[in-house]
């Protein structure tokens, strides 16, 4: 999913307990309209994994 550092309407704030592994370096929001469908080789940077309640 796309992660933004700017709060947007309908975005989900990713609190520290939202992360099952890793985490964002600053206050962040997930954009439900920004779902990525790319190949794993294309992803060069990731923050971690969120818990199941986030999705």
Protein backbone atom coordinates (compact mmCIF):
# COMPACT_ATOMS: atom_id res chain seq x y z
CA UNK A 1 0.00 0.00 0.00
CA UNK A 2 1.07 3.56 -0.43
CA UNK A 3 2.28 5.31 2.72
CA UNK A 4 2.17 9.08 2.97
CA UNK A 5 3.52 11.47 5.61
CA UNK A 6 0.69 13.93 4.99
CA UNK A 7 -2.68 13.35 6.64
CA UNK A 8 -5.50 12.96 4.11
CA UNK A 9 -9.25 12.47 4.41
CA UNK A 10 -10.08 8.75 4.65
CA UNK A 11 -6.42 7.79 5.13
CA UNK A 12 -5.59 5.40 7.98
CA UNK A 13 -3.01 6.59 10.48
CA UNK A 14 -0.36 3.95 11.06
CA UNK A 15 0.22 4.04 14.79
CA UNK A 16 3.28 2.21 16.19
CA UNK A 17 1.13 -0.76 17.24
CA UNK A 18 -0.14 -1.13 13.64
CA UNK A 19 3.19 -2.67 12.65
CA UNK A 20 3.77 -6.41 13.00
CA UNK A 21 7.35 -5.86 11.80
CA UNK A 22 9.32 -2.72 11.07
CA UNK A 23 7.64 0.69 11.11
CA UNK A 24 7.67 4.09 9.47
CA UNK A 25 10.38 6.60 10.42
CA UNK A 26 7.80 9.34 11.05
CA UNK A 27 4.05 9.81 11.51
CA UNK A 28 2.42 8.16 8.50
CA UNK A 29 -0.93 7.32 6.89
CA UNK A 30 -1.98 4.52 4.56
CA UNK A 31 -3.96 5.59 1.54
CA UNK A 32 -6.73 3.07 0.79
CA UNK A 33 -6.94 4.37 -2.78
CA UNK A 34 -3.21 3.85 -3.37
CA UNK A 35 -2.81 0.08 -3.45
CA UNK A 36 0.29 -1.12 -5.27
CA UNK A 37 0.29 -4.11 -7.58
CA UNK A 38 3.91 -4.29 -8.69
CA UNK A 39 6.40 -7.12 -8.99
CA UNK A 40 8.51 -7.86 -5.90
CA UNK A 41 11.69 -7.00 -7.84
CA UNK A 42 10.35 -3.46 -8.35
CA UNK A 43 10.10 -2.78 -4.61
CA UNK A 44 13.41 -1.37 -3.44
CA UNK A 45 12.42 0.04 -0.06
CA UNK A 46 9.88 -1.19 2.46
CA UNK A 47 9.04 -0.23 6.00
CA UNK A 48 7.72 -3.58 7.23
CA UNK A 49 4.45 -5.44 7.67
CA UNK A 50 1.25 -4.15 9.24
CA UNK A 51 -1.01 -6.16 11.52
CA UNK A 52 -4.22 -7.69 10.18
CA UNK A 53 -6.49 -4.98 11.70
CA UNK A 54 -4.97 -2.49 9.23
CA UNK A 55 -6.50 -4.27 6.30
